[in-house]
Amino acid sequence: MAFICNLCGKGHQFGHNVSHANNKTKRTFSPNLQTVRALVNGSHRRIRVCTRCLRTGLVKKAV
């Protein structure tokens, strides 16, 4: 699977780079994904999670 958060489904967003002369070129915004060892369905798994999900406490970390 590509650059997508396993919990909330956040992925790439698209926009423009805008220069001082107001020239616009296409670009992508990538979510800040971290690989975390988490407790999923009673077992420890490595999942890719965005930092917003980590901050809000949606992830139960495995110790």
PDB file of N, CA and C in Angstrom:
ATOM      1  N   MET A   1       0.842  -1.169   0.000  1.00  0.00           N
ATOM      2  CA  MET A   1       0.000   0.000   0.000  1.00  0.00           C
ATOM      3  C   MET A   1       0.894   1.240   0.000  1.00  0.00           C
ATOM      4  N   ALA A   2       0.432   2.286  -0.628  1.00  0.00           N
ATOM      5  CA  ALA A   2       1.242   3.479  -0.806  1.00  0.00           C
ATOM      6  C   ALA A   2       1.292   4.312   0.474  1.00  0.00           C
ATOM      7  N   PHE A   3       1.471   5.577   0.341  1.00  0.00           N
ATOM      8  CA  PHE A   3       1.677   6.493   1.454  1.00  0.00           C
ATOM      9  C   PHE A   3       0.351   6.846   2.097  1.00  0.00           C
ATOM     10  N   ILE A   4      -0.236   5.921   2.863  1.00  0.00           N
ATOM     11  CA  ILE A   4      -1.555   6.114   3.455  1.00  0.00           C
ATOM     12  C   ILE A   4      -1.515   5.690   4.921  1.00  0.00           C
ATOM     13  N   CYS A   5      -2.147   6.469   5.784  1.00  0.00           N
ATOM     14  CA  CYS A   5      -2.247   6.128   7.198  1.00  0.00           C
ATOM     15  C   CYS A   5      -3.158   4.918   7.354  1.00  0.00           C
ATOM     16  N   ASN A   6      -2.727   3.941   8.156  1.00  0.00           N
ATOM     17  CA  ASN A   6      -3.515   2.722   8.338  1.00  0.00           C
ATOM     18  C   ASN A   6      -4.768   2.938   9.173  1.00  0.00           C
ATOM     19  N   LEU A   7      -4.831   4.018   9.965  1.00  0.00           N
ATOM     20  CA  LEU A   7      -5.996   4.239  10.821  1.00  0.00           C
ATOM     21  C   LEU A   7      -7.021   5.170  10.190  1.00  0.00           C
ATOM     22  N   CYS A   8      -6.599   6.345   9.786  1.00  0.00           N
ATOM     23  CA  CYS A   8      -7.575   7.335   9.305  1.00  0.00           C
ATOM     24  C   CYS A   8      -7.663   7.395   7.783  1.00  0.00           C
ATOM     25  N   GLY A   9      -6.713   6.778   7.072  1.00  0.00           N
ATOM     26  CA  GLY A   9      -6.769   6.774   5.610  1.00  0.00           C
ATOM     27  C   GLY A   9      -6.239   8.034   4.954  1.00  0.00           C
ATOM     28  N   LYS A  10      -5.571   8.875   5.727  1.00  0.00           N
ATOM     29  CA  LYS A  10      -5.016  10.110   5.159  1.00  0.00           C
ATOM     30  C   LYS A  10      -3.927   9.764   4.151  1.00  0.00           C
ATOM     31  N   GLY A  11      -3.959  10.403   2.976  1.00  0.00           N
ATOM     32  CA  GLY A  11      -2.988  10.141   1.926  1.00  0.00           C
ATOM     33  C   GLY A  11      -2.453  11.427   1.335  1.00  0.00           C
ATOM     34  N   HIS A  12      -1.927  11.331   0.113  1.00  0.00           N
ATOM     35  CA  HIS A  12      -1.387  12.502  -0.575  1.00  0.00           C
ATOM     36  C   HIS A  12      -2.489  13.517  -0.853  1.00  0.00           C
ATOM     37  N   GLN A  13      -2.123  14.795  -0.774  1.00  0.00           N
ATOM     38  CA  GLN A  13      -2.980  15.875  -1.243  1.00  0.00           C
ATOM     39  C   GLN A  13      -2.221  16.599  -2.334  1.00  0.00           C
ATOM     40  N   PHE A  14      -2.942  17.257  -3.212  1.00  0.00           N
ATOM     41  CA  PHE A  14      -2.316  17.890  -4.368  1.00  0.00           C
ATOM     42  C   PHE A  14      -2.555  19.387  -4.328  1.00  0.00           C
ATOM     43  N   GLY A  15      -1.576  20.118  -4.846  1.00  0.00           N
ATOM     44  CA  GLY A  15      -1.676  21.569  -4.879  1.00  0.00           C
ATOM     45  C   GLY A  15      -0.668  22.134  -5.850  1.00  0.00           C
ATOM     46  N   HIS A  16      -0.272  23.387  -5.608  1.00  0.00           N
ATOM     47  CA  HIS A  16       0.663  24.073  -6.491  1.00  0.00           C
ATOM     48  C   HIS A  16       1.810  24.662  -5.687  1.00  0.00           C
ATOM     49  N   ASN A  17       3.010  24.656  -6.285  1.00  0.00           N
ATOM     50  CA  ASN A  17       4.071  25.553  -5.852  1.00  0.00           C
ATOM     51  C   ASN A  17       3.788  26.882  -6.512  1.00  0.00           C
ATOM     52  N   VAL A  18       3.827  27.973  -5.763  1.00  0.00           N
ATOM     53  CA  VAL A  18       3.555  29.290  -6.325  1.00  0.00           C
ATOM     54  C   VAL A  18       4.800  30.139  -6.138  1.00  0.00           C
ATOM     55  N   SER A  19       5.375  30.583  -7.249  1.00  0.00           N
ATOM     56  CA  SER A  19       6.596  31.382  -7.191  1.00  0.00           C
ATOM     57  C   SER A  19       6.253  32.845  -6.933  1.00  0.00           C
ATOM     58  N   HIS A  20       7.297  33.635  -6.748  1.00  0.00           N
ATOM     59  CA  HIS A  20       7.110  35.067  -6.525  1.00  0.00           C
ATOM     60  C   HIS A  20       6.465  35.714  -7.750  1.00  0.00           C
ATOM     61  N   ALA A  21       6.722  35.174  -8.940  1.00  0.00           N
ATOM     62  CA  ALA A  21       6.120  35.687 -10.171  1.00  0.00           C
ATOM     63  C   ALA A  21       4.743  35.073 -10.426  1.00  0.00           C
ATOM     64  N   ASN A  22       4.216  34.351  -9.428  1.00  0.00           N
ATOM     65  CA  ASN A  22       2.890  33.718  -9.481  1.00  0.00           C
ATOM     66  C   ASN A  22       2.809  32.617 -10.539  1.00  0.00           C
ATOM     67  N   ASN A  23       3.957  31.985 -10.845  1.00  0.00           N
ATOM     68  CA  ASN A  23       3.936  30.791 -11.682  1.00  0.00           C
ATOM     69  C   ASN A  23       3.510  29.617 -10.812  1.00  0.00           C
ATOM     70  N   LYS A  24       2.668  28.751 -11.357  1.00  0.00           N
ATOM     71  CA  LYS A  24       2.168  27.616 -10.582  1.00  0.00           C
ATOM     72  C   LYS A  24       2.619  26.314 -11.223  1.00  0.00           C
ATOM     73  N   THR A  25       3.242  25.451 -10.414  1.00  0.00           N
ATOM     74  CA  THR A  25       3.614  24.111 -10.858  1.00  0.00           C
ATOM     75  C   THR A  25       3.011  23.120  -9.876  1.00  0.00           C
ATOM     76  N   LYS A  26       2.678  21.935 -10.371  1.00  0.00           N
ATOM     77  CA  LYS A  26       2.017  20.942  -9.530  1.00  0.00           C
ATOM     78  C   LYS A  26       2.970  20.360  -8.495  1.00  0.00           C
ATOM     79  N   ARG A  27       2.430  20.028  -7.332  1.00  0.00           N
ATOM     80  CA  ARG A  27       3.199  19.388  -6.275  1.00  0.00           C
ATOM     81  C   ARG A  27       2.266  18.535  -5.431  1.00  0.00           C
ATOM     82  N   THR A  28       2.848  17.676  -4.588  1.00  0.00           N
ATOM     83  CA  THR A  28       2.051  16.853  -3.682  1.00  0.00           C
ATOM     84  C   THR A  28       2.446  17.163  -2.247  1.00  0.00           C
ATOM     85  N   PHE A  29       1.477  17.053  -1.365  1.00  0.00           N
ATOM     86  CA  PHE A  29       1.703  17.171   0.065  1.00  0.00           C
ATOM     87  C   PHE A  29       1.585  15.771   0.649  1.00  0.00           C
ATOM     88  N   SER A  30       2.634  15.284   1.290  1.00  0.00           N
ATOM     89  CA  SER A  30       2.629  13.949   1.873  1.00  0.00           C
ATOM     90  C   SER A  30       2.316  14.031   3.357  1.00  0.00           C
ATOM     91  N   PRO A  31       1.523  13.096   3.885  1.00  0.00           N
ATOM     92  CA  PRO A  31       1.283  13.078   5.324  1.00  0.00           C
ATOM     93  C   PRO A  31       2.531  12.643   6.068  1.00  0.00           C
ATOM     94  N   ASN A  32       2.649  13.071   7.315  1.00  0.00           N
ATOM     95  CA  ASN A  32       3.796  12.722   8.146  1.00  0.00           C
ATOM     96  C   ASN A  32       3.531  11.350   8.766  1.00  0.00           C
ATOM     97  N   LEU A  33       4.010  10.293   8.097  1.00  0.00           N
ATOM     98  CA  LEU A  33       3.760   8.937   8.568  1.00  0.00           C
ATOM     99  C   LEU A  33       4.936   8.416   9.369  1.00  0.00           C
ATOM    100  N   GLN A  34       4.617   7.709  10.456  1.00  0.00           N
ATOM    101  CA  GLN A  34       5.622   7.082  11.299  1.00  0.00           C
ATOM    102  C   GLN A  34       5.307   5.596  11.386  1.00  0.00           C
ATOM    103  N   THR A  35       6.352   4.776  11.405  1.00  0.00           N
ATOM    104  CA  THR A  35       6.169   3.348  11.617  1.00  0.00           C
ATOM    105  C   THR A  35       6.174   3.080  13.113  1.00  0.00           C
ATOM    106  N   VAL A  36       5.088   2.465  13.597  1.00  0.00           N
ATOM    107  CA  VAL A  36       4.897   2.271  15.034  1.00  0.00           C
ATOM    108  C   VAL A  36       4.585   0.806  15.294  1.00  0.00           C
ATOM    109  N   ARG A  37       5.146   0.261  16.352  1.00  0.00           N
ATOM    110  CA  ARG A  37       4.814  -1.088  16.789  1.00  0.00           C
ATOM    111  C   ARG A  37       3.618  -0.952  17.719  1.00  0.00           C
ATOM    112  N   ALA A  38       2.462  -1.414  17.250  1.00  0.00           N
ATOM    113  CA  ALA A  38       1.217  -1.170  17.970  1.00  0.00           C
ATOM    114  C   ALA A  38       0.491  -2.475  18.237  1.00  0.00           C
ATOM    115  N   LEU A  39      -0.446  -2.397  19.163  1.00  0.00           N
ATOM    116  CA  LEU A  39      -1.283  -3.529  19.510  1.00  0.00           C
ATOM    117  C   LEU A  39      -2.518  -3.510  18.610  1.00  0.00           C
ATOM    118  N   VAL A  40      -2.614  -4.506  17.704  1.00  0.00           N
ATOM    119  CA  VAL A  40      -3.721  -4.578  16.754  1.00  0.00           C
ATOM    120  C   VAL A  40      -4.368  -5.950  16.892  1.00  0.00           C
ATOM    121  N   ASN A  41      -5.634  -5.977  17.282  1.00  0.00           N
ATOM    122  CA  ASN A  41      -6.391  -7.220  17.463  1.00  0.00           C
ATOM    123  C   ASN A  41      -5.671  -8.213  18.372  1.00  0.00           C
ATOM    124  N   GLY A  42      -5.070  -7.718  19.438  1.00  0.00           N
ATOM    125  CA  GLY A  42      -4.420  -8.582  20.418  1.00  0.00           C
ATOM    126  C   GLY A  42      -3.013  -9.011  20.069  1.00  0.00           C
ATOM    127  N   SER A  43      -2.472  -8.596  18.927  1.00  0.00           N
ATOM    128  CA  SER A  43      -1.108  -8.966  18.553  1.00  0.00           C
ATOM    129  C   SER A  43      -0.309  -7.708  18.228  1.00  0.00           C
ATOM    130  N   HIS A  44       1.007  -7.819  18.331  1.00  0.00           N
ATOM    131  CA  HIS A  44       1.890  -6.696  18.034  1.00  0.00           C
ATOM    132  C   HIS A  44       2.167  -6.660  16.538  1.00  0.00           C
ATOM    133  N   ARG A  45       1.920  -5.506  15.920  1.00  0.00           N
ATOM    134  CA  ARG A  45       2.180  -5.350  14.492  1.00  0.00           C
ATOM    135  C   ARG A  45       2.810  -3.999  14.241  1.00  0.00           C
ATOM    136  N   ARG A  46       3.565  -3.906  13.148  1.00  0.00           N
ATOM    137  CA  ARG A  46       4.118  -2.620  12.723  1.00  0.00           C
ATOM    138  C   ARG A  46       3.148  -1.999  11.721  1.00  0.00           C
ATOM    139  N   ILE A  47       2.684  -0.796  12.045  1.00  0.00           N
ATOM    140  CA  ILE A  47       1.754  -0.104  11.165  1.00  0.00           C
ATOM    141  C   ILE A  47       2.288   1.286  10.866  1.00  0.00           C
ATOM    142  N   ARG A  48       1.863   1.838   9.733  1.00  0.00           N
ATOM    143  CA  ARG A  48       2.229   3.201   9.359  1.00  0.00           C
ATOM    144  C   ARG A  48       1.084   4.121   9.732  1.00  0.00           C
ATOM    145  N   VAL A  49       1.375   5.080  10.611  1.00  0.00           N
ATOM    146  CA  VAL A  49       0.339   5.927  11.189  1.00  0.00           C
ATOM    147  C   VAL A  49       0.765   7.377  11.058  1.00  0.00           C
ATOM    148  N   CYS A  50      -0.194   8.264  10.777  1.00  0.00           N
ATOM    149  CA  CYS A  50       0.124   9.692  10.714  1.00  0.00           C
ATOM    150  C   CYS A  50       0.291  10.236  12.133  1.00  0.00           C
ATOM    151  N   THR A  51       0.992  11.323  12.256  1.00  0.00           N
ATOM    152  CA  THR A  51       1.292  11.883  13.569  1.00  0.00           C
ATOM    153  C   THR A  51       0.047  12.438  14.250  1.00  0.00           C
ATOM    154  N   ARG A  52      -0.972  12.798  13.496  1.00  0.00           N
ATOM    155  CA  ARG A  52      -2.222  13.260  14.102  1.00  0.00           C
ATOM    156  C   ARG A  52      -2.886  12.126  14.881  1.00  0.00           C
ATOM    157  N   CYS A  53      -2.865  10.913  14.321  1.00  0.00           N
ATOM    158  CA  CYS A  53      -3.437   9.754  15.025  1.00  0.00           C
ATOM    159  C   CYS A  53      -2.611   9.403  16.260  1.00  0.00           C
ATOM    160  N   LEU A  54      -1.296   9.568  16.182  1.00  0.00           N
ATOM    161  CA  LEU A  54      -0.451   9.310  17.352  1.00  0.00           C
ATOM    162  C   LEU A  54      -0.727  10.318  18.458  1.00  0.00           C
ATOM    163  N   ARG A  55      -0.887  11.582  18.075  1.00  0.00           N
ATOM    164  CA  ARG A  55      -1.071  12.641  19.055  1.00  0.00           C
ATOM    165  C   ARG A  55      -2.408  12.547  19.768  1.00  0.00           C
ATOM    166  N   THR A  56      -3.445  12.136  19.044  1.00  0.00           N
ATOM    167  CA  THR A  56      -4.776  12.101  19.634  1.00  0.00           C
ATOM    168  C   THR A  56      -5.011  10.821  20.424  1.00  0.00           C
ATOM    169  N   GLY A  57      -4.060   9.896  20.405  1.00  0.00           N
ATOM    170  CA  GLY A  57      -4.165   8.696  21.226  1.00  0.00           C
ATOM    171  C   GLY A  57      -4.955   7.570  20.590  1.00  0.00           C
ATOM    172  N   LEU A  58      -5.092   7.562  19.273  1.00  0.00           N
ATOM    173  CA  LEU A  58      -5.817   6.492  18.589  1.00  0.00           C
ATOM    174  C   LEU A  58      -5.005   5.204  18.527  1.00  0.00           C
ATOM    175  N   VAL A  59      -3.687   5.293  18.800  1.00  0.00           N
ATOM    176  CA  VAL A  59      -2.812   4.140  18.684  1.00  0.00           C
ATOM    177  C   VAL A  59      -2.481   3.623  20.076  1.00  0.00           C
ATOM    178  N   LYS A  60      -2.678   2.335  20.299  1.00  0.00           N
ATOM    179  CA  LYS A  60      -2.252   1.694  21.544  1.00  0.00           C
ATOM    180  C   LYS A  60      -0.895   1.073  21.281  1.00  0.00           C
ATOM    181  N   LYS A  61       0.174   1.691  21.786  1.00  0.00           N
ATOM    182  CA  LYS A  61       1.522   1.228  21.516  1.00  0.00           C
ATOM    183  C   LYS A  61       1.827  -0.082  22.244  1.00  0.00           C
ATOM    184  N   ALA A  62       2.601  -0.940  21.592  1.00  0.00           N
ATOM    185  CA  ALA A  62       3.032  -2.197  22.194  1.00  0.00           C
ATOM    186  C   ALA A  62       4.345  -1.960  22.925  1.00  0.00           C
ATOM    187  N   VAL A  63       4.466  -2.494  24.117  1.00  0.00           N
ATOM    188  CA  VAL A  63       5.702  -2.305  24.888  1.00  0.00           C
ATOM    189  C   VAL A  63       6.458  -3.597  25.029  1.00  0.00           C
TER     190      VAL A  63
END
